[in-house]
PDB file of N, CA and C in Angstrom:
ATOM      1  N   MET A   1     -22.259   5.145  -7.461  1.00  0.00           N
ATOM      2  CA  MET A   1     -21.250   6.011  -8.077  1.00  0.00           C
ATOM      3  C   MET A   1     -20.142   5.084  -8.723  1.00  0.00           C
ATOM      4  N   THR A   2     -19.639   5.533  -9.778  1.00  0.00           N
ATOM      5  CA  THR A   2     -18.553   4.850 -10.492  1.00  0.00           C
ATOM      6  C   THR A   2     -17.254   5.357  -9.892  1.00  0.00           C
ATOM      7  N   PRO A   3     -16.179   4.583 -10.082  1.00  0.00           N
ATOM      8  CA  PRO A   3     -14.836   4.963  -9.488  1.00  0.00           C
ATOM      9  C   PRO A   3     -14.441   6.359  -9.814  1.00  0.00           C
ATOM     10  N   LYS A   4     -14.770   6.873 -10.989  1.00  0.00           N
ATOM     11  CA  LYS A   4     -14.243   8.197 -11.411  1.00  0.00           C
ATOM     12  C   LYS A   4     -15.285   9.251 -11.492  1.00  0.00           C
ATOM     13  N   SER A   5     -16.409   8.974 -10.836  1.00  0.00           N
ATOM     14  CA  SER A   5     -17.517   9.847 -10.860  1.00  0.00           C
ATOM     15  C   SER A   5     -17.205  11.248 -10.161  1.00  0.00           C
ATOM     16  N   LEU A   6     -16.342  11.314  -9.224  1.00  0.00           N
ATOM     17  CA  LEU A   6     -16.042  12.469  -8.664  1.00  0.00           C
ATOM     18  C   LEU A   6     -15.335  13.517  -9.580  1.00  0.00           C
ATOM     19  N   LEU A   7     -14.812  13.045 -10.666  1.00  0.00           N
ATOM     20  CA  LEU A   7     -14.169  14.002 -11.648  1.00  0.00           C
ATOM     21  C   LEU A   7     -15.231  14.875 -12.296  1.00  0.00           C
ATOM     22  N   ARG A   8     -16.500  14.368 -12.425  1.00  0.00           N
ATOM     23  CA  ARG A   8     -17.604  15.189 -12.927  1.00  0.00           C
ATOM     24  C   ARG A   8     -18.557  15.735 -11.997  1.00  0.00           C
ATOM     25  N   LEU A   9     -18.367  15.488 -10.739  1.00  0.00           N
ATOM     26  CA  LEU A   9     -19.300  15.904  -9.686  1.00  0.00           C
ATOM     27  C   LEU A   9     -19.108  17.364  -9.327  1.00  0.00           C
ATOM     28  N   PRO A  10     -20.095  18.272  -9.617  1.00  0.00           N
ATOM     29  CA  PRO A  10     -19.871  19.698  -9.255  1.00  0.00           C
ATOM     30  C   PRO A  10     -19.473  19.934  -7.825  1.00  0.00           C
ATOM     31  N   GLU A  11     -20.099  19.136  -6.878  1.00  0.00           N
ATOM     32  CA  GLU A  11     -19.845  19.364  -5.450  1.00  0.00           C
ATOM     33  C   GLU A  11     -18.458  19.062  -5.009  1.00  0.00           C
ATOM     34  N   ALA A  12     -17.717  18.239  -5.868  1.00  0.00           N
ATOM     35  CA  ALA A  12     -16.317  17.796  -5.485  1.00  0.00           C
ATOM     36  C   ALA A  12     -15.292  18.802  -5.991  1.00  0.00           C
ATOM     37  N   ARG A  13     -15.693  19.862  -6.719  1.00  0.00           N
ATOM     38  CA  ARG A  13     -14.800  20.821  -7.293  1.00  0.00           C
ATOM     39  C   ARG A  13     -14.393  21.873  -6.256  1.00  0.00           C
ATOM     40  N   SER A  14     -13.058  22.272  -6.387  1.00  0.00           N
ATOM     41  CA  SER A  14     -12.541  23.329  -5.526  1.00  0.00           C
ATOM     42  C   SER A  14     -12.913  24.725  -6.153  1.00  0.00           C
ATOM     43  N   SER A  15     -13.066  25.794  -5.287  1.00  0.00           N
ATOM     44  CA  SER A  15     -13.201  27.080  -5.847  1.00  0.00           C
ATOM     45  C   SER A  15     -11.901  27.657  -6.027  1.00  0.00           C
ATOM     46  N   PHE A  16     -11.761  28.823  -6.734  1.00  0.00           N
ATOM     47  CA  PHE A  16     -10.536  29.570  -6.808  1.00  0.00           C
ATOM     48  C   PHE A  16     -10.042  30.016  -5.464  1.00  0.00           C
ATOM     49  N   GLU A  17     -11.051  30.387  -4.615  1.00  0.00           N
ATOM     50  CA  GLU A  17     -10.611  30.920  -3.237  1.00  0.00           C
ATOM     51  C   GLU A  17      -9.987  29.798  -2.389  1.00  0.00           C
ATOM     52  N   ASP A  18     -10.235  28.558  -2.740  1.00  0.00           N
ATOM     53  CA  ASP A  18      -9.615  27.457  -2.012  1.00  0.00           C
ATOM     54  C   ASP A  18      -8.137  27.268  -2.482  1.00  0.00           C
ATOM     55  N   MET A  19      -7.712  28.008  -3.587  1.00  0.00           N
ATOM     56  CA  MET A  19      -6.404  27.743  -4.093  1.00  0.00           C
ATOM     57  C   MET A  19      -5.556  29.020  -4.070  1.00  0.00           C
ATOM     58  N   ILE A  20      -5.995  30.060  -3.616  1.00  0.00           N
ATOM     59  CA  ILE A  20      -5.225  31.351  -3.588  1.00  0.00           C
ATOM     60  C   ILE A  20      -4.073  31.228  -2.612  1.00  0.00           C
ATOM     61  N   GLU A  21      -3.187  32.202  -2.719  1.00  0.00           N
ATOM     62  CA  GLU A  21      -2.011  32.224  -1.859  1.00  0.00           C
ATOM     63  C   GLU A  21      -2.397  32.288  -0.290  1.00  0.00           C
ATOM     64  N   GLY A  22      -1.789  31.607   0.486  1.00  0.00           N
ATOM     65  CA  GLY A  22      -2.188  31.624   1.904  1.00  0.00           C
ATOM     66  C   GLY A  22      -3.047  30.579   2.298  1.00  0.00           C
ATOM     67  N   THR A  23      -3.484  29.720   1.473  1.00  0.00           N
ATOM     68  CA  THR A  23      -4.424  28.634   1.755  1.00  0.00           C
ATOM     69  C   THR A  23      -3.566  27.357   1.666  1.00  0.00           C
ATOM     70  N   GLY A  24      -4.006  26.335   2.193  1.00  0.00           N
ATOM     71  CA  GLY A  24      -3.271  25.045   2.195  1.00  0.00           C
ATOM     72  C   GLY A  24      -4.151  23.806   2.192  1.00  0.00           C
ATOM     73  N   PHE A  25      -3.478  22.730   2.144  1.00  0.00           N
ATOM     74  CA  PHE A  25      -4.204  21.436   2.108  1.00  0.00           C
ATOM     75  C   PHE A  25      -5.002  21.162   3.406  1.00  0.00           C
ATOM     76  N   GLN A  26      -6.183  20.783   3.371  1.00  0.00           N
ATOM     77  CA  GLN A  26      -7.063  20.523   4.613  1.00  0.00           C
ATOM     78  C   GLN A  26      -6.975  18.971   4.757  1.00  0.00           C
ATOM     79  N   ARG A  27      -6.517  18.472   5.850  1.00  0.00           N
ATOM     80  CA  ARG A  27      -6.558  17.106   6.145  1.00  0.00           C
ATOM     81  C   ARG A  27      -7.925  16.688   6.615  1.00  0.00           C
ATOM     82  N   LEU A  28      -8.597  17.495   7.402  1.00  0.00           N
ATOM     83  CA  LEU A  28      -9.887  17.226   7.825  1.00  0.00           C
ATOM     84  C   LEU A  28     -10.817  18.368   7.345  1.00  0.00           C
ATOM     85  N   ILE A  29     -11.879  18.009   6.778  1.00  0.00           N
ATOM     86  CA  ILE A  29     -12.910  19.009   6.355  1.00  0.00           C
ATOM     87  C   ILE A  29     -14.184  18.770   7.140  1.00  0.00           C
ATOM     88  N   PRO A  30     -14.399  19.661   8.159  1.00  0.00           N
ATOM     89  CA  PRO A  30     -15.655  19.466   8.983  1.00  0.00           C
ATOM     90  C   PRO A  30     -16.915  19.775   8.065  1.00  0.00           C
ATOM     91  N   ASP A  31     -17.983  19.318   8.684  1.00  0.00           N
ATOM     92  CA  ASP A  31     -19.324  19.510   8.064  1.00  0.00           C
ATOM     93  C   ASP A  31     -19.683  21.038   7.996  1.00  0.00           C
ATOM     94  N   LYS A  32     -20.138  21.576   6.850  1.00  0.00           N
ATOM     95  CA  LYS A  32     -20.510  22.951   6.786  1.00  0.00           C
ATOM     96  C   LYS A  32     -21.963  23.083   6.627  1.00  0.00           C
ATOM     97  N   GLY A  33     -22.771  22.068   7.026  1.00  0.00           N
ATOM     98  CA  GLY A  33     -24.225  22.144   6.779  1.00  0.00           C
ATOM     99  C   GLY A  33     -24.951  22.717   7.957  1.00  0.00           C
ATOM    100  N   VAL A  34     -26.249  22.342   7.953  1.00  0.00           N
ATOM    101  CA  VAL A  34     -27.138  22.879   9.015  1.00  0.00           C
ATOM    102  C   VAL A  34     -26.720  22.582  10.372  1.00  0.00           C
ATOM    103  N   CYS A  35     -26.198  21.369  10.565  1.00  0.00           N
ATOM    104  CA  CYS A  35     -25.873  20.970  11.874  1.00  0.00           C
ATOM    105  C   CYS A  35     -24.687  21.855  12.652  1.00  0.00           C
ATOM    106  N   THR A  36     -23.960  22.639  11.838  1.00  0.00           N
ATOM    107  CA  THR A  36     -23.006  23.509  12.449  1.00  0.00           C
ATOM    108  C   THR A  36     -23.648  24.714  13.114  1.00  0.00           C
ATOM    109  N   LYS A  37     -24.889  25.022  12.733  1.00  0.00           N
ATOM    110  CA  LYS A  37     -25.562  26.148  13.419  1.00  0.00           C
ATOM    111  C   LYS A  37     -26.070  25.751  14.797  1.00  0.00           C
ATOM    112  N   LYS A  38     -26.392  24.428  14.928  1.00  0.00           N
ATOM    113  CA  LYS A  38     -26.900  23.845  16.271  1.00  0.00           C
ATOM    114  C   LYS A  38     -26.152  22.529  16.594  1.00  0.00           C
ATOM    115  N   PRO A  39     -24.825  22.721  16.981  1.00  0.00           N
ATOM    116  CA  PRO A  39     -24.060  21.567  17.256  1.00  0.00           C
ATOM    117  C   PRO A  39     -24.594  20.663  18.440  1.00  0.00           C
ATOM    118  N   GLU A  40     -25.396  21.263  19.279  1.00  0.00           N
ATOM    119  CA  GLU A  40     -25.960  20.451  20.391  1.00  0.00           C
ATOM    120  C   GLU A  40     -27.008  19.431  19.879  1.00  0.00           C
ATOM    121  N   GLY A  41     -27.498  19.718  18.761  1.00  0.00           N
ATOM    122  CA  GLY A  41     -28.478  18.645  18.145  1.00  0.00           C
ATOM    123  C   GLY A  41     -27.889  17.593  17.392  1.00  0.00           C
ATOM    124  N   VAL A  42     -26.602  17.548  17.255  1.00  0.00           N
ATOM    125  CA  VAL A  42     -25.910  16.409  16.575  1.00  0.00           C
ATOM    126  C   VAL A  42     -25.904  15.158  17.388  1.00  0.00           C
ATOM    127  N   LYS A  43     -26.431  14.054  16.804  1.00  0.00           N
ATOM    128  CA  LYS A  43     -26.478  12.833  17.507  1.00  0.00           C
ATOM    129  C   LYS A  43     -25.499  11.817  17.084  1.00  0.00           C
ATOM    130  N   LYS A  44     -25.017  11.961  15.755  1.00  0.00           N
ATOM    131  CA  LYS A  44     -23.963  11.090  15.231  1.00  0.00           C
ATOM    132  C   LYS A  44     -23.016  11.926  14.514  1.00  0.00           C
ATOM    133  N   LEU A  45     -21.699  11.609  14.587  1.00  0.00           N
ATOM    134  CA  LEU A  45     -20.591  12.183  13.795  1.00  0.00           C
ATOM    135  C   LEU A  45     -20.029  11.033  13.028  1.00  0.00           C
ATOM    136  N   ILE A  46     -19.972  11.185  11.715  1.00  0.00           N
ATOM    137  CA  ILE A  46     -19.509  10.218  10.799  1.00  0.00           C
ATOM    138  C   ILE A  46     -18.171  10.744  10.243  1.00  0.00           C
ATOM    139  N   PHE A  47     -17.082   9.974  10.252  1.00  0.00           N
ATOM    140  CA  PHE A  47     -15.858  10.269   9.574  1.00  0.00           C
ATOM    141  C   PHE A  47     -15.798   9.332   8.312  1.00  0.00           C
ATOM    142  N   CYS A  48     -15.430   9.984   7.230  1.00  0.00           N
ATOM    143  CA  CYS A  48     -15.352   9.213   5.981  1.00  0.00           C
ATOM    144  C   CYS A  48     -14.353   9.786   5.024  1.00  0.00           C
ATOM    145  N   THR A  49     -13.966   9.048   3.944  1.00  0.00           N
ATOM    146  CA  THR A  49     -13.085   9.607   2.926  1.00  0.00           C
ATOM    147  C   THR A  49     -13.762   9.401   1.541  1.00  0.00           C
ATOM    148  N   GLY A  50     -13.230  10.167   0.626  1.00  0.00           N
ATOM    149  CA  GLY A  50     -13.470  10.020  -0.836  1.00  0.00           C
ATOM    150  C   GLY A  50     -15.019  10.098  -1.210  1.00  0.00           C
ATOM    151  N   LYS A  51     -15.452   9.370  -2.148  1.00  0.00           N
ATOM    152  CA  LYS A  51     -16.755   9.478  -2.716  1.00  0.00           C
ATOM    153  C   LYS A  51     -17.872   8.975  -1.666  1.00  0.00           C
ATOM    154  N   VAL A  52     -17.399   8.301  -0.633  1.00  0.00           N
ATOM    155  CA  VAL A  52     -18.422   7.895   0.389  1.00  0.00           C
ATOM    156  C   VAL A  52     -19.130   9.195   1.018  1.00  0.00           C
ATOM    157  N   TYR A  53     -18.318  10.241   1.156  1.00  0.00           N
ATOM    158  CA  TYR A  53     -18.826  11.468   1.685  1.00  0.00           C
ATOM    159  C   TYR A  53     -20.078  11.874   0.874  1.00  0.00           C
ATOM    160  N   TYR A  54     -19.944  11.941  -0.465  1.00  0.00           N
ATOM    161  CA  TYR A  54     -21.060  12.467  -1.281  1.00  0.00           C
ATOM    162  C   TYR A  54     -22.181  11.514  -1.157  1.00  0.00           C
ATOM    163  N   GLU A  55     -22.079  10.197  -1.076  1.00  0.00           N
ATOM    164  CA  GLU A  55     -23.156   9.259  -1.036  1.00  0.00           C
ATOM    165  C   GLU A  55     -23.884   9.439   0.406  1.00  0.00           C
ATOM    166  N   LEU A  56     -23.053   9.642   1.416  1.00  0.00           N
ATOM    167  CA  LEU A  56     -23.681   9.872   2.764  1.00  0.00           C
ATOM    168  C   LEU A  56     -24.449  11.207   2.821  1.00  0.00           C
ATOM    169  N   MET A  57     -23.890  12.166   2.177  1.00  0.00           N
ATOM    170  CA  MET A  57     -24.577  13.538   2.191  1.00  0.00           C
ATOM    171  C   MET A  57     -25.923  13.340   1.418  1.00  0.00           C
ATOM    172  N   LYS A  58     -26.022  12.613   0.392  1.00  0.00           N
ATOM    173  CA  LYS A  58     -27.235  12.418  -0.377  1.00  0.00           C
ATOM    174  C   LYS A  58     -28.236  11.607   0.449  1.00  0.00           C
ATOM    175  N   GLU A  59     -27.819  10.640   1.142  1.00  0.00           N
ATOM    176  CA  GLU A  59     -28.658   9.814   1.976  1.00  0.00           C
ATOM    177  C   GLU A  59     -29.139  10.659   3.250  1.00  0.00           C
ATOM    178  N   ARG A  60     -28.291  11.434   3.805  1.00  0.00           N
ATOM    179  CA  ARG A  60     -28.690  12.183   4.990  1.00  0.00           C
ATOM    180  C   ARG A  60     -29.742  13.245   4.527  1.00  0.00           C
ATOM    181  N   GLU A  61     -29.586  13.800   3.368  1.00  0.00           N
ATOM    182  CA  GLU A  61     -30.566  14.783   2.848  1.00  0.00           C
ATOM    183  C   GLU A  61     -31.912  14.050   2.621  1.00  0.00           C
ATOM    184  N   LYS A  62     -31.790  12.890   1.971  1.00  0.00           N
ATOM    185  CA  LYS A  62     -33.005  12.062   1.697  1.00  0.00           C
ATOM    186  C   LYS A  62     -33.814  11.742   2.971  1.00  0.00           C
ATOM    187  N   MET A  63     -33.005  11.468   4.054  1.00  0.00           N
ATOM    188  CA  MET A  63     -33.669  11.023   5.302  1.00  0.00           C
ATOM    189  C   MET A  63     -34.044  12.194   6.108  1.00  0.00           C
ATOM    190  N   ASN A  64     -33.748  13.424   5.730  1.00  0.00           N
ATOM    191  CA  ASN A  64     -33.973  14.680   6.379  1.00  0.00           C
ATOM    192  C   ASN A  64     -33.308  14.663   7.826  1.00  0.00           C
ATOM    193  N   ARG A  65     -32.113  14.360   7.813  1.00  0.00           N
ATOM    194  CA  ARG A  65     -31.347  14.162   9.148  1.00  0.00           C
ATOM    195  C   ARG A  65     -30.168  15.250   9.203  1.00  0.00           C
ATOM    196  N   ASP A  66     -30.377  16.275   8.413  1.00  0.00           N
ATOM    197  CA  ASP A  66     -29.255  17.276   8.309  1.00  0.00           C
ATOM    198  C   ASP A  66     -28.952  17.858   9.706  1.00  0.00           C
ATOM    199  N   GLU A  67     -29.874  17.891  10.629  1.00  0.00           N
ATOM    200  CA  GLU A  67     -29.510  18.603  11.892  1.00  0.00           C
ATOM    201  C   GLU A  67     -29.003  17.700  12.944  1.00  0.00           C
ATOM    202  N   THR A  68     -29.149  16.256  12.683  1.00  0.00           N
ATOM    203  CA  THR A  68     -28.654  15.289  13.697  1.00  0.00           C
ATOM    204  C   THR A  68     -27.500  14.521  13.372  1.00  0.00           C
ATOM    205  N   ILE A  69     -26.975  14.582  11.949  1.00  0.00           N
ATOM    206  CA  ILE A  69     -25.859  13.817  11.603  1.00  0.00           C
ATOM    207  C   ILE A  69     -24.856  14.740  10.940  1.00  0.00           C
ATOM    208  N   ALA A  70     -23.662  14.815  11.538  1.00  0.00           N
ATOM    209  CA  ALA A  70     -22.558  15.554  11.046  1.00  0.00           C
ATOM    210  C   ALA A  70     -21.630  14.659  10.385  1.00  0.00           C
ATOM    211  N   ILE A  71     -21.111  15.071   9.175  1.00  0.00           N
ATOM    212  CA  ILE A  71     -20.148  14.205   8.411  1.00  0.00           C
ATOM    213  C   ILE A  71     -18.819  14.993   8.119  1.00  0.00           C
ATOM    214  N   THR A  72     -17.750  14.413   8.680  1.00  0.00           N
ATOM    215  CA  THR A  72     -16.476  15.065   8.552  1.00  0.00           C
ATOM    216  C   THR A  72     -15.635  14.272   7.545  1.00  0.00           C
ATOM    217  N   ARG A  73     -14.910  14.872   6.651  1.00  0.00           N
ATOM    218  CA  ARG A  73     -14.162  14.234   5.593  1.00  0.00           C
ATOM    219  C   ARG A  73     -12.684  14.173   6.086  1.00  0.00           C
ATOM    220  N   ILE A  74     -12.131  13.010   5.886  1.00  0.00           N
ATOM    221  CA  ILE A  74     -10.700  12.851   6.170  1.00  0.00           C
ATOM    222  C   ILE A  74     -10.044  12.789   4.765  1.00  0.00           C
ATOM    223  N   GLU A  75      -9.255  13.743   4.544  1.00  0.00           N
ATOM    224  CA  GLU A  75      -8.662  13.840   3.170  1.00  0.00           C
ATOM    225  C   GLU A  75      -7.276  13.132   2.949  1.00  0.00           C
ATOM    226  N   GLN A  76      -6.651  12.908   4.138  1.00  0.00           N
ATOM    227  CA  GLN A  76      -5.348  12.263   4.082  1.00  0.00           C
ATOM    228  C   GLN A  76      -5.306  11.260   5.203  1.00  0.00           C
ATOM    229  N   VAL A  77      -5.052   9.957   4.819  1.00  0.00           N
ATOM    230  CA  VAL A  77      -5.175   8.869   5.723  1.00  0.00           C
ATOM    231  C   VAL A  77      -3.756   8.237   5.819  1.00  0.00           C
ATOM    232  N   SER A  78      -3.312   7.945   6.999  1.00  0.00           N
ATOM    233  CA  SER A  78      -1.977   7.397   7.206  1.00  0.00           C
ATOM    234  C   SER A  78      -2.157   6.214   8.216  1.00  0.00           C
ATOM    235  N   LYS A  79      -1.618   5.018   7.972  1.00  0.00           N
ATOM    236  CA  LYS A  79      -1.808   3.953   8.936  1.00  0.00           C
ATOM    237  C   LYS A  79      -1.153   4.189  10.272  1.00  0.00           C
ATOM    238  N   ASN A  80      -0.109   4.916  10.278  1.00  0.00           N
ATOM    239  CA  ASN A  80       0.479   5.332  11.677  1.00  0.00           C
ATOM    240  C   ASN A  80       0.027   6.537  12.341  1.00  0.00           C
ATOM    241  N   GLY A  81      -0.896   7.258  11.675  1.00  0.00           N
ATOM    242  CA  GLY A  81      -1.395   8.498  12.220  1.00  0.00           C
ATOM    243  C   GLY A  81      -0.479   9.769  11.992  1.00  0.00           C
ATOM    244  N   ALA A  82       0.624   9.544  11.324  1.00  0.00           N
ATOM    245  CA  ALA A  82       1.540  10.668  11.134  1.00  0.00           C
ATOM    246  C   ALA A  82       1.013  11.865  10.438  1.00  0.00           C
ATOM    247  N   CYS A  83      -0.019  11.666   9.651  1.00  0.00           N
ATOM    248  CA  CYS A  83      -0.644  12.708   8.854  1.00  0.00           C
ATOM    249  C   CYS A  83      -1.206  13.823   9.706  1.00  0.00           C
ATOM    250  N   PHE A  84      -1.702  13.401  10.986  1.00  0.00           N
ATOM    251  CA  PHE A  84      -2.280  14.331  11.884  1.00  0.00           C
ATOM    252  C   PHE A  84      -1.314  15.197  12.688  1.00  0.00           C
ATOM    253  N   MET A  85      -0.049  14.877  12.515  1.00  0.00           N
ATOM    254  CA  MET A  85       0.973  15.506  13.445  1.00  0.00           C
ATOM    255  C   MET A  85       1.447  16.827  12.691  1.00  0.00           C
ATOM    256  N   GLN A  86       1.643  17.822  13.373  1.00  0.00           N
ATOM    257  CA  GLN A  86       2.049  19.099  12.737  1.00  0.00           C
ATOM    258  C   GLN A  86       3.512  19.342  12.953  1.00  0.00           C
TER     259      GLN A  86
END
C-alpha cells in the first residue's frame, strides 16, 4: 500500500450513519468479523493502527483465519495514555 492509498480504499470510508447526530469519534474499533460470533475461538488479538489494519485483514482472509484472529483498530494514540481516559 502507498502512503495515501486509504484515501481511495472503499473499506476505509465512513457511512452516513457513522456521522449522524448522536454519534462520536471511536478511539477503539473492535473486530466486526466472523470471530465476534464465536469469541471463544479467538486465539490471537491484534491491536493496530492505520493502513496496517487493512493489510492484516487481507492476510487474515487469505490465510482463512477469520475465526481465530481478531483485529482491533486503535484510532487515537497518545504516548501517555491520556486518550483512553474519559
